[in-house]
Amino acid sequence: MKTRLRCPCGEYLRGDDEDDLIAKTQAHLAEQHPGHDYSREEILFLAY
């Protein structure tokens, strides 16, 4: 299970599980990187 992700902007995101990580990543993208929408699969590809 992947629960961590380092955004290219330097922000470190961590979730309790993959669903939590996806939600936190999408919230980060909406707030910090408007217009950059990534699918669940794309986010998990970058996660570890």
Protein backbone atom coordinates (compact mmCIF):
# COMPACT_ATOMS: atom_id res chain seq x y z
CA MET A 1 0.00 0.00 0.00
CA LYS A 2 1.33 3.42 -0.98
CA THR A 3 0.76 6.14 1.61
CA ARG A 4 3.39 8.80 0.82
CA LEU A 5 4.04 11.22 -1.99
CA ARG A 6 6.53 14.02 -2.57
CA CYS A 7 5.02 16.65 -4.85
CA PRO A 8 7.45 18.16 -7.37
CA CYS A 9 6.88 21.49 -5.56
CA GLY A 10 8.54 19.96 -2.49
CA GLU A 11 5.41 19.34 -0.42
CA TYR A 12 5.39 15.99 1.41
CA LEU A 13 1.99 14.30 1.64
CA ARG A 14 1.11 11.31 3.78
CA GLY A 15 -2.16 9.42 4.08
CA ASP A 16 -3.48 6.77 6.44
CA ASP A 17 -4.18 4.59 3.39
CA GLU A 18 -4.27 5.00 -0.39
CA ASP A 19 -7.75 6.56 -0.38
CA ASP A 20 -6.64 9.14 2.21
CA LEU A 21 -3.47 9.89 0.24
CA ILE A 22 -5.53 10.39 -2.95
CA ALA A 23 -7.88 12.80 -1.16
CA LYS A 24 -5.02 14.78 0.38
CA THR A 25 -3.15 14.92 -2.91
CA GLN A 26 -6.20 16.10 -4.83
CA ALA A 27 -6.85 18.78 -2.18
CA HIS A 28 -3.20 19.90 -2.42
CA LEU A 29 -3.42 20.05 -6.21
CA ALA A 30 -6.65 22.08 -6.11
CA GLU A 31 -5.18 24.56 -3.63
CA GLN A 32 -1.59 24.86 -4.81
CA HIS A 33 -1.71 23.79 -8.49
CA PRO A 34 -5.09 24.74 -10.01
CA GLY A 35 -5.64 23.10 -13.37
CA HIS A 36 -3.37 20.15 -12.60
CA ASP A 37 -5.75 17.25 -12.23
CA TYR A 38 -4.36 13.75 -11.84
CA SER A 39 -6.21 10.46 -11.79
CA ARG A 40 -5.98 7.98 -8.93
CA GLU A 41 -3.65 5.84 -11.04
CA GLU A 42 -1.34 8.79 -11.82
CA ILE A 43 -1.14 9.76 -8.16
CA LEU A 44 -0.38 6.20 -7.07
CA PHE A 45 2.30 5.97 -9.76
CA LEU A 46 4.13 8.86 -8.07
CA ALA A 47 3.47 7.60 -4.55
CA TYR A 48 5.56 5.24 -2.48
